[in-house]
Amino acid sequence: MNKRKRDIILIAVLLLVALVGYYLVNQGDDGSYVEVVCEGRVIGTYSLKQDGEYALNGGTNIIKIENGEAVMIYADCPDHICIKEGKIRKEGQCITCLPNKLTVTVHSADSDVDWYN
């Protein structure tokens, strides 16, 4: 088999893996609320059905809930990776701010999954 044929096969396999990964990430039901955990303690739960902005952890972070999605819009950490994570709405998705030890996780009201045990 020549080099060009192997390259085409490799590209096709990588494309297939990417498509399957995208499909798996976007699977799941829409959540009904987010749970905010700081240093292992639940510090708040917020419905995804009610729009609003919420200061977390004494104002170190702010989440915005709009149209059934949550997004971190402010963080006082140096790298702002949590802001760059984007919007979450599917059950099990989360936004994590490591410097502030904060996690925002989407849950469904009818879920029987215990994410912390």
Protein backbone atom coordinates (compact mmCIF):
# COMPACT_ATOMS: atom_id res chain seq x y z
CA MET A 1 0.00 0.00 0.00
CA ASN A 2 1.44 3.33 -0.94
CA LYS A 3 1.87 6.29 1.36
CA ARG A 4 -1.00 8.32 -0.13
CA LYS A 5 -3.52 5.52 0.41
CA ARG A 6 -2.43 5.14 4.05
CA ASP A 7 -2.81 8.89 4.58
CA ILE A 8 -6.35 8.83 3.19
CA ILE A 9 -7.26 5.88 5.42
CA LEU A 10 -5.77 7.62 8.45
CA ILE A 11 -7.69 10.84 7.73
CA ALA A 12 -10.93 8.87 7.28
CA VAL A 13 -10.42 7.03 10.58
CA LEU A 14 -9.63 10.27 12.44
CA LEU A 15 -12.70 11.94 10.95
CA LEU A 16 -14.87 8.99 12.01
CA VAL A 17 -13.47 9.11 15.56
CA ALA A 18 -14.13 12.85 15.72
CA LEU A 19 -17.73 12.43 14.54
CA VAL A 20 -18.40 9.63 17.04
CA GLY A 21 -16.85 11.75 19.82
CA TYR A 22 -18.98 14.74 18.88
CA TYR A 23 -22.10 12.56 18.87
CA LEU A 24 -21.30 11.09 22.29
CA VAL A 25 -20.59 14.48 23.86
CA ASN A 26 -23.90 15.88 22.59
CA GLN A 27 -25.92 12.88 23.76
CA GLY A 28 -28.01 13.06 26.86
CA ASP A 29 -31.03 14.88 28.10
CA ASP A 30 -31.26 18.54 28.83
CA GLY A 31 -30.84 19.20 32.53
CA SER A 32 -33.30 21.01 34.74
CA TYR A 33 -30.93 22.68 37.23
CA VAL A 34 -27.29 23.35 38.00
CA GLU A 35 -25.63 22.50 41.29
CA VAL A 36 -22.72 24.62 42.45
CA VAL A 37 -20.10 22.92 44.62
CA CYS A 38 -17.19 24.70 46.30
CA GLU A 39 -14.54 22.72 48.17
CA GLY A 40 -16.82 19.66 48.24
CA ARG A 41 -19.82 21.53 49.68
CA VAL A 42 -22.99 22.31 47.74
CA ILE A 43 -23.34 26.09 47.93
CA GLY A 44 -26.31 26.51 45.61
CA THR A 45 -28.72 25.09 43.08
CA TYR A 46 -30.28 27.13 40.28
CA SER A 47 -33.05 26.21 37.87
CA LEU A 48 -32.19 26.28 34.18
CA LYS A 49 -35.78 27.34 33.52
CA GLN A 50 -35.34 30.71 35.25
CA ASP A 51 -33.03 33.25 33.62
CA GLY A 52 -30.68 35.23 35.85
CA GLU A 53 -27.14 36.02 36.93
CA TYR A 54 -25.80 34.58 40.18
CA ALA A 55 -22.70 35.53 42.17
CA LEU A 56 -20.95 32.43 43.47
CA ASN A 57 -18.42 31.85 46.22
CA GLY A 58 -18.56 35.38 47.59
CA GLY A 59 -18.45 36.93 44.12
CA THR A 60 -15.32 35.17 42.82
CA ASN A 61 -17.42 33.76 39.97
CA ILE A 62 -20.69 34.74 38.28
CA ILE A 63 -22.86 32.37 36.24
CA LYS A 64 -25.55 33.44 33.84
CA ILE A 65 -28.55 31.25 33.12
CA GLU A 66 -30.44 32.02 29.94
CA ASN A 67 -32.61 29.94 27.59
CA GLY A 68 -31.97 26.75 29.56
CA GLU A 69 -28.18 27.10 29.45
CA ALA A 70 -25.61 28.12 32.06
CA VAL A 71 -22.35 29.90 31.34
CA MET A 72 -19.61 31.36 33.52
CA ILE A 73 -19.44 35.07 32.65
CA TYR A 74 -16.98 36.26 35.31
CA ALA A 75 -14.14 34.72 37.29
CA ASP A 76 -11.38 36.42 39.24
CA CYS A 77 -8.94 33.59 38.51
CA PRO A 78 -5.88 34.37 36.35
CA ASP A 79 -6.49 32.01 33.42
CA HIS A 80 -10.30 32.26 32.86
CA ILE A 81 -10.50 28.71 31.53
CA CYS A 82 -13.90 28.33 33.22
CA ILE A 83 -15.24 31.23 31.14
CA LYS A 84 -13.82 29.73 27.95
CA GLU A 85 -15.61 26.39 28.61
CA GLY A 86 -18.79 27.89 27.18
CA LYS A 87 -22.43 27.05 27.75
CA ILE A 88 -23.70 23.88 29.39
CA ARG A 89 -27.20 22.40 29.34
CA LYS A 90 -26.95 18.61 29.07
CA GLU A 91 -27.09 16.42 32.15
CA GLY A 92 -23.59 15.72 33.47
CA GLN A 93 -21.88 18.65 31.77
CA CYS A 94 -19.88 20.88 34.08
CA ILE A 95 -17.81 24.02 34.32
CA THR A 96 -14.86 23.92 36.69
CA CYS A 97 -12.83 26.80 38.10
CA LEU A 98 -9.82 25.12 39.70
CA PRO A 99 -8.23 28.20 41.29
CA ASN A 100 -11.52 28.99 43.09
CA LYS A 101 -12.28 25.30 43.78
CA LEU A 102 -15.72 25.67 42.18
CA THR A 103 -17.75 23.31 40.01
CA VAL A 104 -21.08 23.97 38.28
CA THR A 105 -22.76 20.73 37.15
CA VAL A 106 -26.00 20.21 35.21
CA HIS A 107 -28.46 17.75 36.73
CA SER A 108 -31.87 16.48 35.74
CA ALA A 109 -34.74 16.40 38.22
CA ASP A 110 -35.49 12.76 37.36
CA SER A 111 -31.87 11.61 37.37
CA ASP A 112 -30.88 8.74 39.62
CA VAL A 113 -27.14 9.32 39.13
CA ASP A 114 -25.18 10.37 42.22
CA TRP A 115 -22.28 12.43 40.83
CA TYR A 116 -20.34 12.76 44.11
CA ASN A 117 -20.21 9.24 45.52
